[in-house]
ModelCIF file with pLDDT and N, C-alpha, C, O atoms, coordinates in Angstrom:
data_MODEL
#
_entry.id   MODEL 
#
_entity.id                         1 
_entity.type                       polymer 
_entity.pdbx_number_of_molecules   1 
#
_entity_poly.entity_id                      1 
_entity_poly.type                           'polypeptide(L)' 
_entity_poly.nstd_linkage                   no 
_entity_poly.nstd_monomer                   no 
_entity_poly.pdbx_seq_one_letter_code       IAAVNGYALGGGCELALACHIRIASERAKFG 
_entity_poly.pdbx_seq_one_letter_code_can   IAAVNGYALGGGCELALACHIRIASERAKFG 
_entity_poly.pdbx_strand_id                 A 
#
loop_
_entity_poly_seq.entity_id 
_entity_poly_seq.num 
_entity_poly_seq.mon_id 
_entity_poly_seq.hetero 
1 1  ILE n 
1 2  ALA n 
1 3  ALA n 
1 4  VAL n 
1 5  ASN n 
1 6  GLY n 
1 7  TYR n 
1 8  ALA n 
1 9  LEU n 
1 10 GLY n 
1 11 GLY n 
1 12 GLY n 
1 13 CYS n 
1 14 GLU n 
1 15 LEU n 
1 16 ALA n 
1 17 LEU n 
1 18 ALA n 
1 19 CYS n 
1 20 HIS n 
1 21 ILE n 
1 22 ARG n 
1 23 ILE n 
1 24 ALA n 
1 25 SER n 
1 26 GLU n 
1 27 ARG n 
1 28 ALA n 
1 29 LYS n 
1 30 PHE n 
1 31 GLY n 
#
_struct_asym.id          A 
_struct_asym.entity_id   1 
#
loop_
_ma_qa_metric.id 
_ma_qa_metric.mode 
_ma_qa_metric.name 
_ma_qa_metric.software_group_id 
_ma_qa_metric.type 
1 global pLDDT . pLDDT 
2 local  pLDDT . pLDDT 
#
_ma_qa_metric_global.metric_id      1 
_ma_qa_metric_global.metric_value   97.97 
_ma_qa_metric_global.model_id       1 
_ma_qa_metric_global.ordinal_id     1 
#
loop_
_ma_qa_metric_local.label_asym_id 
_ma_qa_metric_local.label_comp_id 
_ma_qa_metric_local.label_seq_id 
_ma_qa_metric_local.metric_id 
_ma_qa_metric_local.metric_value 
_ma_qa_metric_local.model_id 
_ma_qa_metric_local.ordinal_id 
A ILE 1  2 99.00 1 1  
A ALA 2  2 99.00 1 2  
A ALA 3  2 98.00 1 3  
A VAL 4  2 98.00 1 4  
A ASN 5  2 98.00 1 5  
A GLY 6  2 98.00 1 6  
A TYR 7  2 98.00 1 7  
A ALA 8  2 98.00 1 8  
A LEU 9  2 98.00 1 9  
A GLY 10 2 97.00 1 10 
A GLY 11 2 97.00 1 11 
A GLY 12 2 98.00 1 12 
A CYS 13 2 98.00 1 13 
A GLU 14 2 98.00 1 14 
A LEU 15 2 98.00 1 15 
A ALA 16 2 98.00 1 16 
A LEU 17 2 98.00 1 17 
A ALA 18 2 98.00 1 18 
A CYS 19 2 98.00 1 19 
A HIS 20 2 98.00 1 20 
A ILE 21 2 98.00 1 21 
A ARG 22 2 98.00 1 22 
A ILE 23 2 98.00 1 23 
A ALA 24 2 98.00 1 24 
A SER 25 2 98.00 1 25 
A GLU 26 2 98.00 1 26 
A ARG 27 2 97.00 1 27 
A ALA 28 2 98.00 1 28 
A LYS 29 2 98.00 1 29 
A PHE 30 2 98.00 1 30 
A GLY 31 2 98.00 1 31 
#
loop_
_atom_site.group_PDB 
_atom_site.id 
_atom_site.type_symbol 
_atom_site.label_atom_id 
_atom_site.label_alt_id 
_atom_site.label_comp_id 
_atom_site.label_asym_id 
_atom_site.label_entity_id 
_atom_site.label_seq_id 
_atom_site.pdbx_PDB_ins_code 
_atom_site.Cartn_x 
_atom_site.Cartn_y 
_atom_site.Cartn_z 
_atom_site.occupancy 
_atom_site.B_iso_or_equiv 
_atom_site.pdbx_formal_charge 
_atom_site.auth_seq_id 
_atom_site.auth_comp_id 
_atom_site.auth_asym_id 
_atom_site.auth_atom_id 
_atom_site.pdbx_PDB_model_num 
ATOM 1   N N  . ILE A 1 1  ? -4.876 2.645  16.050 1.00 99.00 ? 1  ILE A N  1 
ATOM 2   C CA . ILE A 1 1  ? -4.045 3.474  16.926 1.00 99.00 ? 1  ILE A CA 1 
ATOM 3   C C  . ILE A 1 1  ? -2.857 3.982  16.120 1.00 99.00 ? 1  ILE A C  1 
ATOM 4   O O  . ILE A 1 1  ? -2.082 3.185  15.592 1.00 99.00 ? 1  ILE A O  1 
ATOM 5   N N  . ALA A 1 2  ? -2.707 5.288  16.019 1.00 99.00 ? 2  ALA A N  1 
ATOM 6   C CA . ALA A 1 2  ? -1.531 5.873  15.375 1.00 99.00 ? 2  ALA A CA 1 
ATOM 7   C C  . ALA A 1 2  ? -0.440 6.034  16.423 1.00 99.00 ? 2  ALA A C  1 
ATOM 8   O O  . ALA A 1 2  ? -0.612 6.773  17.392 1.00 99.00 ? 2  ALA A O  1 
ATOM 9   N N  . ALA A 1 3  ? 0.674  5.353  16.236 1.00 98.00 ? 3  ALA A N  1 
ATOM 10  C CA . ALA A 1 3  ? 1.847  5.507  17.096 1.00 98.00 ? 3  ALA A CA 1 
ATOM 11  C C  . ALA A 1 3  ? 2.807  6.432  16.357 1.00 98.00 ? 3  ALA A C  1 
ATOM 12  O O  . ALA A 1 3  ? 3.608  5.988  15.535 1.00 98.00 ? 3  ALA A O  1 
ATOM 13  N N  . VAL A 1 4  ? 2.715  7.720  16.661 1.00 98.00 ? 4  VAL A N  1 
ATOM 14  C CA . VAL A 1 4  ? 3.431  8.751  15.904 1.00 98.00 ? 4  VAL A CA 1 
ATOM 15  C C  . VAL A 1 4  ? 4.842  8.879  16.460 1.00 98.00 ? 4  VAL A C  1 
ATOM 16  O O  . VAL A 1 4  ? 5.048  9.454  17.529 1.00 98.00 ? 4  VAL A O  1 
ATOM 17  N N  . ASN A 1 5  ? 5.799  8.344  15.736 1.00 98.00 ? 5  ASN A N  1 
ATOM 18  C CA . ASN A 1 5  ? 7.162  8.186  16.232 1.00 98.00 ? 5  ASN A CA 1 
ATOM 19  C C  . ASN A 1 5  ? 8.126  9.259  15.720 1.00 98.00 ? 5  ASN A C  1 
ATOM 20  O O  . ASN A 1 5  ? 9.333  9.154  15.941 1.00 98.00 ? 5  ASN A O  1 
ATOM 21  N N  . GLY A 1 6  ? 7.611  10.288 15.040 1.00 98.00 ? 6  GLY A N  1 
ATOM 22  C CA . GLY A 1 6  ? 8.489  11.333 14.503 1.00 98.00 ? 6  GLY A CA 1 
ATOM 23  C C  . GLY A 1 6  ? 7.651  12.350 13.753 1.00 98.00 ? 6  GLY A C  1 
ATOM 24  O O  . GLY A 1 6  ? 6.558  12.704 14.195 1.00 98.00 ? 6  GLY A O  1 
ATOM 25  N N  . TYR A 1 7  ? 8.156  12.824 12.616 1.00 98.00 ? 7  TYR A N  1 
ATOM 26  C CA . TYR A 1 7  ? 7.440  13.826 11.843 1.00 98.00 ? 7  TYR A CA 1 
ATOM 27  C C  . TYR A 1 7  ? 6.104  13.286 11.330 1.00 98.00 ? 7  TYR A C  1 
ATOM 28  O O  . TYR A 1 7  ? 6.048  12.215 10.726 1.00 98.00 ? 7  TYR A O  1 
ATOM 29  N N  . ALA A 1 8  ? 5.032  14.038 11.576 1.00 98.00 ? 8  ALA A N  1 
ATOM 30  C CA . ALA A 1 8  ? 3.711  13.760 11.023 1.00 98.00 ? 8  ALA A CA 1 
ATOM 31  C C  . ALA A 1 8  ? 3.258  15.064 10.374 1.00 98.00 ? 8  ALA A C  1 
ATOM 32  O O  . ALA A 1 8  ? 2.546  15.863 10.982 1.00 98.00 ? 8  ALA A O  1 
ATOM 33  N N  . LEU A 1 9  ? 3.679  15.261 9.142  1.00 98.00 ? 9  LEU A N  1 
ATOM 34  C CA . LEU A 1 9  ? 3.480  16.533 8.465  1.00 98.00 ? 9  LEU A CA 1 
ATOM 35  C C  . LEU A 1 9  ? 2.634  16.334 7.208  1.00 98.00 ? 9  LEU A C  1 
ATOM 36  O O  . LEU A 1 9  ? 2.727  15.298 6.551  1.00 98.00 ? 9  LEU A O  1 
ATOM 37  N N  . GLY A 1 10 ? 1.814  17.324 6.878  1.00 97.00 ? 10 GLY A N  1 
ATOM 38  C CA . GLY A 1 10 ? 1.010  17.241 5.675  1.00 97.00 ? 10 GLY A CA 1 
ATOM 39  C C  . GLY A 1 10 ? 0.145  15.996 5.685  1.00 97.00 ? 10 GLY A C  1 
ATOM 40  O O  . GLY A 1 10 ? -0.661 15.790 6.592  1.00 97.00 ? 10 GLY A O  1 
ATOM 41  N N  . GLY A 1 11 ? 0.322  15.161 4.656  1.00 97.00 ? 11 GLY A N  1 
ATOM 42  C CA . GLY A 1 11 ? -0.439 13.922 4.588  1.00 97.00 ? 11 GLY A CA 1 
ATOM 43  C C  . GLY A 1 11 ? -0.216 13.016 5.779  1.00 97.00 ? 11 GLY A C  1 
ATOM 44  O O  . GLY A 1 11 ? -1.080 12.200 6.101  1.00 97.00 ? 11 GLY A O  1 
ATOM 45  N N  . GLY A 1 12 ? 0.934  13.142 6.447  1.00 98.00 ? 12 GLY A N  1 
ATOM 46  C CA . GLY A 1 12 ? 1.193  12.338 7.636  1.00 98.00 ? 12 GLY A CA 1 
ATOM 47  C C  . GLY A 1 12 ? 0.337  12.765 8.802  1.00 98.00 ? 12 GLY A C  1 
ATOM 48  O O  . GLY A 1 12 ? -0.154 11.922 9.553  1.00 98.00 ? 12 GLY A O  1 
ATOM 49  N N  . CYS A 1 13 ? 0.150  14.061 8.968  1.00 98.00 ? 13 CYS A N  1 
ATOM 50  C CA . CYS A 1 13 ? -0.741 14.562 10.009 1.00 98.00 ? 13 CYS A CA 1 
ATOM 51  C C  . CYS A 1 13 ? -2.176 14.158 9.695  1.00 98.00 ? 13 CYS A C  1 
ATOM 52  O O  . CYS A 1 13 ? -2.928 13.763 10.586 1.00 98.00 ? 13 CYS A O  1 
ATOM 53  N N  . GLU A 1 14 ? -2.547 14.261 8.424  1.00 98.00 ? 14 GLU A N  1 
ATOM 54  C CA . GLU A 1 14 ? -3.894 13.867 8.013  1.00 98.00 ? 14 GLU A CA 1 
ATOM 55  C C  . GLU A 1 14 ? -4.125 12.375 8.226  1.00 98.00 ? 14 GLU A C  1 
ATOM 56  O O  . GLU A 1 14 ? -5.225 11.968 8.600  1.00 98.00 ? 14 GLU A O  1 
ATOM 57  N N  . LEU A 1 15 ? -3.109 11.564 7.994  1.00 98.00 ? 15 LEU A N  1 
ATOM 58  C CA . LEU A 1 15 ? -3.222 10.128 8.234  1.00 98.00 ? 15 LEU A CA 1 
ATOM 59  C C  . LEU A 1 15 ? -3.440 9.847  9.713  1.00 98.00 ? 15 LEU A C  1 
ATOM 60  O O  . LEU A 1 15 ? -4.295 9.039  10.075 1.00 98.00 ? 15 LEU A O  1 
ATOM 61  N N  . ALA A 1 16 ? -2.675 10.507 10.563 1.00 98.00 ? 16 ALA A N  1 
ATOM 62  C CA . ALA A 1 16 ? -2.863 10.331 12.002 1.00 98.00 ? 16 ALA A CA 1 
ATOM 63  C C  . ALA A 1 16 ? -4.263 10.750 12.427 1.00 98.00 ? 16 ALA A C  1 
ATOM 64  O O  . ALA A 1 16 ? -4.880 10.100 13.272 1.00 98.00 ? 16 ALA A O  1 
ATOM 65  N N  . LEU A 1 17 ? -4.766 11.836 11.843 1.00 98.00 ? 17 LEU A N  1 
ATOM 66  C CA . LEU A 1 17 ? -6.101 12.326 12.188 1.00 98.00 ? 17 LEU A CA 1 
ATOM 67  C C  . LEU A 1 17 ? -7.192 11.333 11.805 1.00 98.00 ? 17 LEU A C  1 
ATOM 68  O O  . LEU A 1 17 ? -8.255 11.319 12.425 1.00 98.00 ? 17 LEU A O  1 
ATOM 69  N N  . ALA A 1 18 ? -6.946 10.508 10.799 1.00 98.00 ? 18 ALA A N  1 
ATOM 70  C CA . ALA A 1 18 ? -7.932 9.511  10.378 1.00 98.00 ? 18 ALA A CA 1 
ATOM 71  C C  . ALA A 1 18 ? -7.988 8.321  11.335 1.00 98.00 ? 18 ALA A C  1 
ATOM 72  O O  . ALA A 1 18 ? -8.928 7.528  11.281 1.00 98.00 ? 18 ALA A O  1 
ATOM 73  N N  . CYS A 1 19 ? -6.990 8.191  12.207 1.00 98.00 ? 19 CYS A N  1 
ATOM 74  C CA . CYS A 1 19 ? -6.963 7.099  13.178 1.00 98.00 ? 19 CYS A CA 1 
ATOM 75  C C  . CYS A 1 19 ? -7.817 7.453  14.393 1.00 98.00 ? 19 CYS A C  1 
ATOM 76  O O  . CYS A 1 19 ? -8.072 8.628  14.658 1.00 98.00 ? 19 CYS A O  1 
ATOM 77  N N  . HIS A 1 20 ? -8.250 6.449  15.116 1.00 98.00 ? 20 HIS A N  1 
ATOM 78  C CA . HIS A 1 20 ? -9.174 6.664  16.227 1.00 98.00 ? 20 HIS A CA 1 
ATOM 79  C C  . HIS A 1 20 ? -8.477 7.139  17.498 1.00 98.00 ? 20 HIS A C  1 
ATOM 80  O O  . HIS A 1 20 ? -9.051 7.898  18.279 1.00 98.00 ? 20 HIS A O  1 
ATOM 81  N N  . ILE A 1 21 ? -7.258 6.699  17.699 1.00 98.00 ? 21 ILE A N  1 
ATOM 82  C CA . ILE A 1 21 ? -6.455 7.094  18.859 1.00 98.00 ? 21 ILE A CA 1 
ATOM 83  C C  . ILE A 1 21 ? -5.078 7.472  18.352 1.00 98.00 ? 21 ILE A C  1 
ATOM 84  O O  . ILE A 1 21 ? -4.516 6.785  17.499 1.00 98.00 ? 21 ILE A O  1 
ATOM 85  N N  . ARG A 1 22 ? -4.532 8.563  18.872 1.00 98.00 ? 22 ARG A N  1 
ATOM 86  C CA . ARG A 1 22 ? -3.185 8.998  18.490 1.00 98.00 ? 22 ARG A CA 1 
ATOM 87  C C  . ARG A 1 22 ? -2.337 9.136  19.743 1.00 98.00 ? 22 ARG A C  1 
ATOM 88  O O  . ARG A 1 22 ? -2.697 9.861  20.670 1.00 98.00 ? 22 ARG A O  1 
ATOM 89  N N  . ILE A 1 23 ? -1.213 8.438  19.767 1.00 98.00 ? 23 ILE A N  1 
ATOM 90  C CA . ILE A 1 23 ? -0.224 8.634  20.818 1.00 98.00 ? 23 ILE A CA 1 
ATOM 91  C C  . ILE A 1 23 ? 1.089  9.005  20.156 1.00 98.00 ? 23 ILE A C  1 
ATOM 92  O O  . ILE A 1 23 ? 1.327  8.660  18.998 1.00 98.00 ? 23 ILE A O  1 
ATOM 93  N N  . ALA A 1 24 ? 1.941  9.707  20.889 1.00 98.00 ? 24 ALA A N  1 
ATOM 94  C CA . ALA A 1 24 ? 3.133  10.267 20.254 1.00 98.00 ? 24 ALA A CA 1 
ATOM 95  C C  . ALA A 1 24 ? 4.391  10.000 21.058 1.00 98.00 ? 24 ALA A C  1 
ATOM 96  O O  . ALA A 1 24 ? 4.368  9.941  22.288 1.00 98.00 ? 24 ALA A O  1 
ATOM 97  N N  . SER A 1 25 ? 5.476  9.844  20.342 1.00 98.00 ? 25 SER A N  1 
ATOM 98  C CA . SER A 1 25 ? 6.806  9.886  20.926 1.00 98.00 ? 25 SER A CA 1 
ATOM 99  C C  . SER A 1 25 ? 7.129  11.319 21.310 1.00 98.00 ? 25 SER A C  1 
ATOM 100 O O  . SER A 1 25 ? 6.598  12.265 20.728 1.00 98.00 ? 25 SER A O  1 
ATOM 101 N N  . GLU A 1 26 ? 7.991  11.468 22.280 1.00 98.00 ? 26 GLU A N  1 
ATOM 102 C CA . GLU A 1 26 ? 8.444  12.805 22.671 1.00 98.00 ? 26 GLU A CA 1 
ATOM 103 C C  . GLU A 1 26 ? 9.142  13.526 21.523 1.00 98.00 ? 26 GLU A C  1 
ATOM 104 O O  . GLU A 1 26 ? 9.309  14.744 21.575 1.00 98.00 ? 26 GLU A O  1 
ATOM 105 N N  . ARG A 1 27 ? 9.551  12.796 20.488 1.00 97.00 ? 27 ARG A N  1 
ATOM 106 C CA . ARG A 1 27 ? 10.218 13.398 19.328 1.00 97.00 ? 27 ARG A CA 1 
ATOM 107 C C  . ARG A 1 27 ? 9.240  13.837 18.233 1.00 97.00 ? 27 ARG A C  1 
ATOM 108 O O  . ARG A 1 27 ? 9.657  14.458 17.256 1.00 97.00 ? 27 ARG A O  1 
ATOM 109 N N  . ALA A 1 28 ? 7.972  13.531 18.377 1.00 98.00 ? 28 ALA A N  1 
ATOM 110 C CA . ALA A 1 28 ? 7.009  13.772 17.306 1.00 98.00 ? 28 ALA A CA 1 
ATOM 111 C C  . ALA A 1 28 ? 6.832  15.254 17.014 1.00 98.00 ? 28 ALA A C  1 
ATOM 112 O O  . ALA A 1 28 ? 6.933  16.098 17.904 1.00 98.00 ? 28 ALA A O  1 
ATOM 113 N N  . LYS A 1 29 ? 6.568  15.546 15.755 1.00 98.00 ? 29 LYS A N  1 
ATOM 114 C CA . LYS A 1 29 ? 6.246  16.903 15.295 1.00 98.00 ? 29 LYS A CA 1 
ATOM 115 C C  . LYS A 1 29 ? 5.034  16.799 14.374 1.00 98.00 ? 29 LYS A C  1 
ATOM 116 O O  . LYS A 1 29 ? 4.950  15.898 13.540 1.00 98.00 ? 29 LYS A O  1 
ATOM 117 N N  . PHE A 1 30 ? 4.102  17.727 14.535 1.00 98.00 ? 30 PHE A N  1 
ATOM 118 C CA . PHE A 1 30 ? 2.881  17.730 13.737 1.00 98.00 ? 30 PHE A CA 1 
ATOM 119 C C  . PHE A 1 30 ? 2.763  19.039 12.976 1.00 98.00 ? 30 PHE A C  1 
ATOM 120 O O  . PHE A 1 30 ? 3.195  20.084 13.464 1.00 98.00 ? 30 PHE A O  1 
ATOM 121 N N  . GLY A 1 31 ? 2.184  18.990 11.790 1.00 98.00 ? 31 GLY A N  1 
ATOM 122 C CA . GLY A 1 31 ? 1.976  20.225 11.045 1.00 98.00 ? 31 GLY A CA 1 
ATOM 123 C C  . GLY A 1 31 ? 1.252  19.992 9.742  1.00 98.00 ? 31 GLY A C  1 
ATOM 124 O O  . GLY A 1 31 ? 1.001  20.940 8.997  1.00 98.00 ? 31 GLY A O  1 
#
């Protein structure tokens, strides 16, 4: 489970995508 608590950019977005479930903080940004 990716608990995305802020910026998930570049390799960070790709890392989240490799996880089976993604949930996000209201502050999260993806790109």
